[in-house]
C-alpha atoms as a PDB file:
ATOM      1  CA  MET A   1     110.797 -12.463 134.154  1.00  0.00           C
ATOM      2  CA  LYS A   2     109.922  -9.599 136.505  1.00  0.00           C
ATOM      3  CA  SER A   3     107.381 -10.120 139.254  1.00  0.00           C
ATOM      4  CA  ARG A   4     104.300  -7.928 139.323  1.00  0.00           C
ATOM      5  CA  THR A   5     105.717  -6.031 142.290  1.00  0.00           C
ATOM      6  CA  GLU A   6     108.925  -5.294 140.336  1.00  0.00           C
ATOM      7  CA  THR A   7     106.910  -4.292 137.284  1.00  0.00           C
ATOM      8  CA  MET A   8     104.812  -1.930 139.364  1.00  0.00           C
ATOM      9  CA  ALA A   9     107.864  -0.413 140.993  1.00  0.00           C
ATOM     10  CA  ALA A  10     109.468   0.202 137.612  1.00  0.00           C
ATOM     11  CA  MET A  11     106.304   1.798 136.276  1.00  0.00           C
ATOM     12  CA  THR A  12     105.951   4.128 139.259  1.00  0.00           C
ATOM     13  CA  SER A  13     109.604   5.164 139.563  1.00  0.00           C
ATOM     14  CA  ASP A  14     108.972   8.361 137.621  1.00  0.00           C
ATOM     15  CA  GLU A  15     105.877  10.094 138.969  1.00  0.00           C
ATOM     16  CA  ASP A  16     105.810  12.597 136.131  1.00  0.00           C
ATOM     17  CA  SER A  17     105.644  10.055 133.323  1.00  0.00           C
ATOM     18  CA  ALA A  18     104.172   6.894 134.868  1.00  0.00           C
ATOM     19  CA  PRO A  19     100.808   5.927 136.395  1.00  0.00           C
ATOM     20  CA  THR A  20     100.365   6.198 140.135  1.00  0.00           C
ATOM     21  CA  GLN A  21     100.488   3.078 142.309  1.00  0.00           C
ATOM     22  CA  ASP A  22      96.709   2.905 142.679  1.00  0.00           C
ATOM     23  CA  ARG A  23      96.250   3.039 138.883  1.00  0.00           C
ATOM     24  CA  VAL A  24      98.795   0.282 138.324  1.00  0.00           C
ATOM     25  CA  ILE A  25      97.217  -1.921 140.992  1.00  0.00           C
ATOM     26  CA  ALA A  26      93.750  -1.277 139.554  1.00  0.00           C
ATOM     27  CA  ARG A  27      94.937  -2.234 136.061  1.00  0.00           C
ATOM     28  CA  LEU A  28      96.573  -5.470 137.226  1.00  0.00           C
ATOM     29  CA  LEU A  29      93.536  -6.418 139.306  1.00  0.00           C
ATOM     30  CA  THR A  30      91.297  -5.620 136.342  1.00  0.00           C
ATOM     31  CA  ASP A  31      93.268  -8.074 134.208  1.00  0.00           C
ATOM     32  CA  ASP A  32      92.933 -10.752 136.890  1.00  0.00           C
ATOM     33  CA  ILE A  33      89.185 -10.182 137.275  1.00  0.00           C
ATOM     34  CA  VAL A  34      88.388 -10.018 133.561  1.00  0.00           C
ATOM     35  CA  GLU A  35      90.348 -13.209 132.866  1.00  0.00           C
ATOM     36  CA  TRP A  36      88.739 -14.886 135.923  1.00  0.00           C
ATOM     37  CA  ARG A  37      92.026 -15.489 137.700  1.00  0.00           C
ATOM     38  CA  ILE A  38      90.020 -13.823 140.477  1.00  0.00           C
ATOM     39  CA  LEU A  39      86.598 -15.429 140.297  1.00  0.00           C
ATOM     40  CA  PRO A  40      83.200 -13.690 140.501  1.00  0.00           C
ATOM     41  CA  GLY A  41      82.033 -13.256 144.072  1.00  0.00           C
ATOM     42  CA  THR A  42      85.558 -13.295 145.545  1.00  0.00           C
ATOM     43  CA  TRP A  43      86.210 -10.934 148.456  1.00  0.00           C
ATOM     44  CA  LEU A  44      89.298  -8.789 147.937  1.00  0.00           C
ATOM     45  CA  ARG A  45      91.185  -8.377 151.186  1.00  0.00           C
ATOM     46  CA  GLU A  46      92.918  -5.039 151.490  1.00  0.00           C
ATOM     47  CA  ARG A  47      95.760  -6.455 153.552  1.00  0.00           C
ATOM     48  CA  GLU A  48      96.407  -9.316 151.125  1.00  0.00           C
ATOM     49  CA  ILE A  49      96.461  -7.010 148.101  1.00  0.00           C
ATOM     50  CA  ALA A  50      98.796  -4.578 149.894  1.00  0.00           C
ATOM     51  CA  GLN A  51     101.180  -7.432 150.724  1.00  0.00           C
ATOM     52  CA  ARG A  52     101.019  -8.756 147.180  1.00  0.00           C
ATOM     53  CA  PHE A  53     102.160  -5.456 145.690  1.00  0.00           C
ATOM     54  CA  GLY A  54     104.357  -4.346 148.602  1.00  0.00           C
ATOM     55  CA  VAL A  55     102.472  -1.103 149.215  1.00  0.00           C
ATOM     56  CA  SER A  56     100.511   0.555 152.006  1.00  0.00           C
ATOM     57  CA  HIS A  57      96.738   0.235 152.301  1.00  0.00           C
ATOM     58  CA  ALA A  58      96.011   3.711 150.885  1.00  0.00           C
ATOM     59  CA  PRO A  59      96.756   2.971 147.171  1.00  0.00           C
ATOM     60  CA  VAL A  60      94.889  -0.343 147.484  1.00  0.00           C
ATOM     61  CA  ARG A  61      91.753   1.420 148.731  1.00  0.00           C
ATOM     62  CA  GLU A  62      92.020   3.892 145.860  1.00  0.00           C
ATOM     63  CA  ALA A  63      92.489   1.019 143.396  1.00  0.00           C
ATOM     64  CA  PHE A  64      89.288  -0.547 144.727  1.00  0.00           C
ATOM     65  CA  ARG A  65      87.510   2.747 144.042  1.00  0.00           C
ATOM     66  CA  HIS A  66      88.741   2.666 140.430  1.00  0.00           C
ATOM     67  CA  LEU A  67      87.430  -0.883 140.030  1.00  0.00           C
ATOM     68  CA  SER A  68      84.132   0.130 141.584  1.00  0.00           C
ATOM     69  CA  ARG A  69      83.708   2.972 139.087  1.00  0.00           C
ATOM     70  CA  ILE A  70      84.302   0.535 136.232  1.00  0.00           C
ATOM     71  CA  GLY A  71      81.683  -1.768 137.720  1.00  0.00           C
ATOM     72  CA  LEU A  72      83.851  -4.813 138.394  1.00  0.00           C
ATOM     73  CA  VAL A  73      83.638  -4.722 142.201  1.00  0.00           C
ATOM     74  CA  LYS A  74      81.284  -3.621 144.956  1.00  0.00           C
ATOM     75  CA  VAL A  75      82.606  -1.767 147.978  1.00  0.00           C
ATOM     76  CA  VAL A  76      80.544  -2.588 151.078  1.00  0.00           C
ATOM     77  CA  PRO A  77      81.073  -0.157 153.982  1.00  0.00           C
ATOM     78  CA  TRP A  78      82.581  -1.797 157.066  1.00  0.00           C
ATOM     79  CA  ARG A  79      82.768  -5.167 155.315  1.00  0.00           C
ATOM     80  CA  GLY A  80      85.143  -4.911 152.375  1.00  0.00           C
ATOM     81  CA  THR A  81      85.195  -5.241 148.604  1.00  0.00           C
ATOM     82  CA  PHE A  82      84.061  -8.153 146.464  1.00  0.00           C
ATOM     83  CA  VAL A  83      84.091  -8.967 142.754  1.00  0.00           C
ATOM     84  CA  ILE A  84      80.580  -8.709 141.337  1.00  0.00           C
ATOM     85  CA  ASP A  85      78.827 -11.914 140.351  1.00  0.00           C
ATOM     86  CA  ILE A  86      77.032 -12.566 137.088  1.00  0.00           C
ATOM     87  CA  ASP A  87      73.251 -12.530 137.098  1.00  0.00           C
ATOM     88  CA  GLN A  88      70.697 -12.320 134.320  1.00  0.00           C
ATOM     89  CA  HIS A  89      69.580  -8.784 135.137  1.00  0.00           C
ATOM     90  CA  ALA A  90      73.111  -7.351 135.085  1.00  0.00           C
ATOM     91  CA  ALA A  91      73.938  -9.276 131.900  1.00  0.00           C
ATOM     92  CA  THR A  92      70.826  -7.930 130.176  1.00  0.00           C
ATOM     93  CA  GLU A  93      71.702  -4.397 131.258  1.00  0.00           C
ATOM     94  CA  VAL A  94      75.215  -4.664 129.826  1.00  0.00           C
ATOM     95  CA  TYR A  95      74.023  -6.068 126.505  1.00  0.00           C
ATOM     96  CA  GLU A  96      71.165  -3.598 126.048  1.00  0.00           C
ATOM     97  CA  LEU A  97      73.489  -0.668 126.716  1.00  0.00           C
ATOM     98  CA  TRP A  98      76.144  -2.227 124.467  1.00  0.00           C
ATOM     99  CA  LYS A  99      73.678  -2.610 121.593  1.00  0.00           C
ATOM    100  CA  SER A 100      72.482   0.977 121.876  1.00  0.00           C
ATOM    101  CA  LEU A 101      75.933   2.496 122.213  1.00  0.00           C
ATOM    102  CA  PHE A 102      77.510   0.430 119.438  1.00  0.00           C
ATOM    103  CA  GLY A 103      74.618   1.408 117.179  1.00  0.00           C
ATOM    104  CA  VAL A 104      75.283   5.084 117.854  1.00  0.00           C
ATOM    105  CA  VAL A 105      79.039   4.648 117.322  1.00  0.00           C
ATOM    106  CA  CYS A 106      78.518   2.923 113.965  1.00  0.00           C
ATOM    107  CA  ARG A 107      76.042   5.601 112.916  1.00  0.00           C
ATOM    108  CA  LEU A 108      78.650   8.265 113.687  1.00  0.00           C
ATOM    109  CA  ALA A 109      81.378   6.257 111.946  1.00  0.00           C
ATOM    110  CA  ALA A 110      79.278   6.150 108.766  1.00  0.00           C
ATOM    111  CA  LYS A 111      79.192   9.945 108.820  1.00  0.00           C
ATOM    112  CA  GLU A 112      82.700  10.719 110.088  1.00  0.00           C
ATOM    113  CA  MET A 113      84.995   7.993 108.736  1.00  0.00           C
ATOM    114  CA  SER A 114      87.384   9.133 106.023  1.00  0.00           C
ATOM    115  CA  ASP A 115      87.600   7.370 102.672  1.00  0.00           C
ATOM    116  CA  ARG A 116      91.039   6.065 103.619  1.00  0.00           C
ATOM    117  CA  ASP A 117      89.731   4.621 106.880  1.00  0.00           C
ATOM    118  CA  GLY A 118      86.803   3.152 104.992  1.00  0.00           C
ATOM    119  CA  ARG A 119      89.180   1.243 102.741  1.00  0.00           C
ATOM    120  CA  GLU A 120      91.122   0.065 105.822  1.00  0.00           C
ATOM    121  CA  LEU A 121      87.849  -1.133 107.349  1.00  0.00           C
ATOM    122  CA  MET A 122      87.062  -3.212 104.275  1.00  0.00           C
ATOM    123  CA  HIS A 123      90.580  -4.663 104.400  1.00  0.00           C
ATOM    124  CA  ARG A 124      90.000  -5.701 108.013  1.00  0.00           C
ATOM    125  CA  LEU A 125      86.707  -7.251 106.997  1.00  0.00           C
ATOM    126  CA  VAL A 126      88.537  -9.497 104.529  1.00  0.00           C
ATOM    127  CA  GLU A 127      90.843 -10.598 107.367  1.00  0.00           C
ATOM    128  CA  TYR A 128      87.848 -11.388 109.580  1.00  0.00           C
ATOM    129  CA  LYS A 129      86.100 -13.423 106.879  1.00  0.00           C
ATOM    130  CA  ASP A 130      89.330 -15.327 106.262  1.00  0.00           C
ATOM    131  CA  VAL A 131      89.556 -16.264 109.964  1.00  0.00           C
ATOM    132  CA  THR A 132      85.942 -17.461 110.066  1.00  0.00           C
ATOM    133  CA  GLN A 133      86.565 -19.658 107.040  1.00  0.00           C
ATOM    134  CA  ARG A 134      89.857 -21.100 108.316  1.00  0.00           C
ATOM    135  CA  THR A 135      88.761 -22.040 111.817  1.00  0.00           C
ATOM    136  CA  ASN A 136      85.659 -22.800 113.857  1.00  0.00           C
ATOM    137  CA  ASN A 137      87.324 -21.427 116.982  1.00  0.00           C
ATOM    138  CA  THR A 138      84.793 -18.917 118.311  1.00  0.00           C
ATOM    139  CA  PHE A 139      87.407 -17.279 120.540  1.00  0.00           C
ATOM    140  CA  GLU A 140      89.567 -16.503 117.495  1.00  0.00           C
ATOM    141  CA  HIS A 141      86.529 -15.019 115.752  1.00  0.00           C
ATOM    142  CA  LEU A 142      85.877 -12.804 118.770  1.00  0.00           C
ATOM    143  CA  LYS A 143      89.454 -11.506 118.836  1.00  0.00           C
ATOM    144  CA  VAL A 144      89.340 -10.343 115.231  1.00  0.00           C
ATOM    145  CA  SER A 145      85.784  -8.985 115.434  1.00  0.00           C
ATOM    146  CA  ASN A 146      86.662  -7.033 118.573  1.00  0.00           C
ATOM    147  CA  ARG A 147      89.579  -5.427 116.733  1.00  0.00           C
ATOM    148  CA  ILE A 148      87.216  -4.351 113.958  1.00  0.00           C
ATOM    149  CA  GLY A 149      84.738  -2.954 116.470  1.00  0.00           C
ATOM    150  CA  ARG A 150      87.518  -1.033 118.168  1.00  0.00           C
ATOM    151  CA  PHE A 151      88.699   0.367 114.817  1.00  0.00           C
ATOM    152  CA  ILE A 152      85.162   1.540 113.982  1.00  0.00           C
ATOM    153  CA  ALA A 153      84.814   3.172 117.402  1.00  0.00           C
ATOM    154  CA  THR A 154      88.127   5.024 117.180  1.00  0.00           C
ATOM    155  CA  ARG A 155      87.179   6.388 113.751  1.00  0.00           C
ATOM    156  CA  SER A 156      83.736   7.605 114.847  1.00  0.00           C
ATOM    157  CA  ASN A 157      85.129  10.921 116.160  1.00  0.00           C
ATOM    158  CA  ALA A 158      83.232  10.409 119.420  1.00  0.00           C
ATOM    159  CA  PRO A 159      85.720  10.157 122.321  1.00  0.00           C
ATOM    160  CA  LEU A 160      83.035  10.052 125.023  1.00  0.00           C
ATOM    161  CA  ALA A 161      81.160   7.262 123.252  1.00  0.00           C
ATOM    162  CA  LEU A 162      84.446   5.387 122.831  1.00  0.00           C
ATOM    163  CA  GLU A 163      85.193   5.655 126.556  1.00  0.00           C
ATOM    164  CA  LEU A 164      81.740   4.347 127.482  1.00  0.00           C
ATOM    165  CA  LEU A 165      81.950   1.593 124.886  1.00  0.00           C
ATOM    166  CA  ASP A 166      85.325   0.483 126.244  1.00  0.00           C
ATOM    167  CA  ARG A 167      83.815   0.187 129.722  1.00  0.00           C
ATOM    168  CA  LEU A 168      80.866  -1.864 128.466  1.00  0.00           C
ATOM    169  CA  ALA A 169      83.115  -4.043 126.328  1.00  0.00           C
ATOM    170  CA  LEU A 170      85.270  -4.747 129.393  1.00  0.00           C
ATOM    171  CA  LEU A 171      82.242  -5.941 131.363  1.00  0.00           C
ATOM    172  CA  ALA A 172      81.071  -8.012 128.413  1.00  0.00           C
ATOM    173  CA  ARG A 173      84.511  -9.573 128.066  1.00  0.00           C
ATOM    174  CA  TRP A 174      84.430 -10.456 131.761  1.00  0.00           C
ATOM    175  CA  GLN A 175      81.011 -12.066 131.343  1.00  0.00           C
ATOM    176  CA  HIS A 176      82.114 -14.020 128.284  1.00  0.00           C
ATOM    177  CA  ASN A 177      84.062 -16.428 130.466  1.00  0.00           C
ATOM    178  CA  VAL A 178      80.819 -18.379 130.806  1.00  0.00           C
ATOM    179  CA  PHE A 179      81.447 -19.408 127.172  1.00  0.00           C
ATOM    180  CA  THR A 180      83.435 -22.541 127.912  1.00  0.00           C
ATOM    181  CA  GLU A 181      84.947 -24.703 125.198  1.00  0.00           C
ATOM    182  CA  SER A 182      82.613 -27.518 126.210  1.00  0.00           C
ATOM    183  CA  PHE A 183      79.636 -25.179 125.777  1.00  0.00           C
ATOM    184  CA  ILE A 184      80.722 -24.297 122.252  1.00  0.00           C
ATOM    185  CA  ASP A 185      81.438 -27.952 121.391  1.00  0.00           C
ATOM    186  CA  THR A 186      78.097 -29.261 122.673  1.00  0.00           C
ATOM    187  CA  HIS A 187      75.805 -26.576 121.239  1.00  0.00           C
ATOM    188  CA  ASP A 188      75.014 -26.417 117.567  1.00  0.00           C
ATOM    189  CA  LEU A 189      75.160 -22.641 117.389  1.00  0.00           C
ATOM    190  CA  ASP A 190      75.490 -20.788 114.118  1.00  0.00           C
ATOM    191  CA  ALA A 191      76.243 -17.545 115.954  1.00  0.00           C
ATOM    192  CA  ALA A 192      79.671 -17.249 114.331  1.00  0.00           C
ATOM    193  CA  LYS A 193      78.177 -17.523 110.840  1.00  0.00           C
ATOM    194  CA  ARG A 194      75.445 -14.985 111.625  1.00  0.00           C
ATOM    195  CA  SER A 195      77.999 -12.623 113.150  1.00  0.00           C
ATOM    196  CA  ALA A 196      80.249 -12.889 110.087  1.00  0.00           C
ATOM    197  CA  LEU A 197      77.316 -12.086 107.808  1.00  0.00           C
ATOM    198  CA  LEU A 198      76.256  -9.123 109.918  1.00  0.00           C
ATOM    199  CA  TYR A 199      79.816  -7.794 110.158  1.00  0.00           C
ATOM    200  CA  ASP A 200      80.009  -7.894 106.368  1.00  0.00           C
ATOM    201  CA  GLN A 201      76.771  -5.888 106.122  1.00  0.00           C
ATOM    202  CA  LEU A 202      77.869  -3.460 108.846  1.00  0.00           C
ATOM    203  CA  CYS A 203      81.206  -2.618 107.245  1.00  0.00           C
ATOM    204  CA  ARG A 204      79.589  -2.140 103.837  1.00  0.00           C
ATOM    205  CA  HIS A 205      76.946   0.199 105.278  1.00  0.00           C
ATOM    206  CA  ILE A 206      79.618   2.273 107.034  1.00  0.00           C
ATOM    207  CA  PHE A 207      81.744   2.376 103.876  1.00  0.00           C
ATOM    208  CA  ALA A 208      78.688   3.500 101.858  1.00  0.00           C
ATOM    209  CA  ARG A 209      77.883   6.120 104.537  1.00  0.00           C
ATOM    210  CA  GLU A 210      74.462   4.576 105.241  1.00  0.00           C
ATOM    211  CA  ALA A 211      74.088   5.667 108.854  1.00  0.00           C
ATOM    212  CA  ASP A 212      70.605   4.319 109.611  1.00  0.00           C
ATOM    213  CA  GLU A 213      71.400   0.905 108.185  1.00  0.00           C
ATOM    214  CA  ALA A 214      74.734   0.760 110.031  1.00  0.00           C
ATOM    215  CA  ASP A 215      72.994   1.564 113.323  1.00  0.00           C
ATOM    216  CA  ALA A 216      70.403  -1.203 112.857  1.00  0.00           C
ATOM    217  CA  VAL A 217      72.920  -3.872 111.852  1.00  0.00           C
ATOM    218  CA  ALA A 218      75.281  -2.937 114.708  1.00  0.00           C
ATOM    219  CA  ARG A 219      72.483  -3.581 117.212  1.00  0.00           C
ATOM    220  CA  ALA A 220      71.592  -6.860 115.516  1.00  0.00           C
ATOM    221  CA  LEU A 221      75.237  -7.926 115.692  1.00  0.00           C
ATOM    222  CA  ILE A 222      75.427  -7.479 119.465  1.00  0.00           C
ATOM    223  CA  ALA A 223      72.048  -9.199 119.801  1.00  0.00           C
ATOM    224  CA  VAL A 224      73.542 -12.394 118.307  1.00  0.00           C
ATOM    225  CA  SER A 225      76.079 -12.527 121.105  1.00  0.00           C
ATOM    226  CA  GLN A 226      73.394 -11.664 123.645  1.00  0.00           C
ATOM    227  CA  THR A 227      71.226 -14.617 122.596  1.00  0.00           C
ATOM    228  CA  SER A 228      74.115 -17.079 122.823  1.00  0.00           C
ATOM    229  CA  PHE A 229      75.224 -15.619 126.124  1.00  0.00           C
ATOM    230  CA  ALA A 230      71.790 -16.110 127.691  1.00  0.00           C
ATOM    231  CA  VAL A 231      72.016 -19.863 127.048  1.00  0.00           C
ATOM    232  CA  ALA A 232      75.595 -20.075 128.315  1.00  0.00           C
ATOM    233  CA  LEU A 233      74.711 -18.089 131.443  1.00  0.00           C
ATOM    234  CA  GLU A 234      71.800 -20.395 132.209  1.00  0.00           C
ATOM    235  CA  GLU A 235      74.136 -23.389 132.095  1.00  0.00           C
ATOM    236  CA  TYR A 236      76.761 -21.570 134.176  1.00  0.00           C
ATOM    237  CA  GLN A 237      74.245 -20.701 136.867  1.00  0.00           C
ATOM    238  CA  ALA A 238      72.914 -24.269 136.895  1.00  0.00           C
ATOM    239  CA  ARG A 239      76.451 -25.575 137.504  1.00  0.00           C
ATOM    240  CA  HIS A 240      77.175 -23.114 140.304  1.00  0.00           C
ATOM    241  CA  SER A 241      73.813 -22.857 142.055  1.00  0.00           C
ATOM    242  CA  LYS A 242      73.647 -24.278 145.541  1.00  0.00           C
ATOM    243  CA  PRO A 243      70.987 -26.940 146.046  1.00  0.00           C
ATOM    244  CA  LYS A 244      68.119 -25.808 148.213  1.00  0.00           C
ATOM    245  CA  PRO A 245      67.764 -27.799 151.399  1.00  0.00           C
ATOM    246  CA  GLY A 246      64.779 -30.102 151.224  1.00  0.00           C
ATOM    247  CA  ARG A 247      62.339 -30.896 153.950  1.00  0.00           C
ATOM    248  CA  ARG A 248      63.200 -33.713 156.208  1.00  0.00           C
ATOM    249  CA  ARG A 249      60.714 -36.472 156.274  1.00  0.00           C
ATOM    250  CA  ALA A 250      59.281 -37.282 159.649  1.00  0.00           C
ATOM    251  CA  LYS A 251      60.483 -40.551 161.007  1.00  0.00           C
ATOM    252  CA  PRO A 252      57.777 -43.159 161.336  1.00  0.00           C
ATOM    253  CA  ALA A 253      56.541 -43.613 164.870  1.00  0.00           C
END
């Protein structure tokens, strides 16, 4: 198996047809951050990243700028770059924007999607319902539902909305690592069932070209995930919060 350095070298051997070094580094770092192989709050050292990929510091700095534009890192002048941490305000911002944008995308899809694509959407819905009936694995449900959401977005004839939605979905996927298996096992959540029901309604509204209804259900669908995420985030923060130092009691005289 090729190392990441070898993979990068192969991808950048032809400048006319392959991504530049900074783009490749940014993509690989994005994968590591989103999958939490690089944890929230971690400082990214320019020298270490340059050594890892066998490049100079210049493409690393540019890669950090790409990650900053996506919203996955913060570049602090004279100090360095660190992976953003999860807090309630940022999580709420992502979900509220995601709800609004997905609603708009589904509204457009109801107007723009061809009859052929509509039939393909209903076929994908059958696949999703089959997965939810065969397994209680929430992560498997998310994989299939994300593919449906992506299909809807690509058929909405709104490239700018798709680009923005991809960026929000990436941040949401990064945040979703707070959904641990133990969290899912110990919480009696019916989020998967509610999501399956709403996805059924959403696809039928799009297929019937009912734009207003599709918009409303799309927002409600993201809201289900938002509600579950709020609980998971609270538990995550409780596990990782540092205890506040208490007052020392005065020693008796």
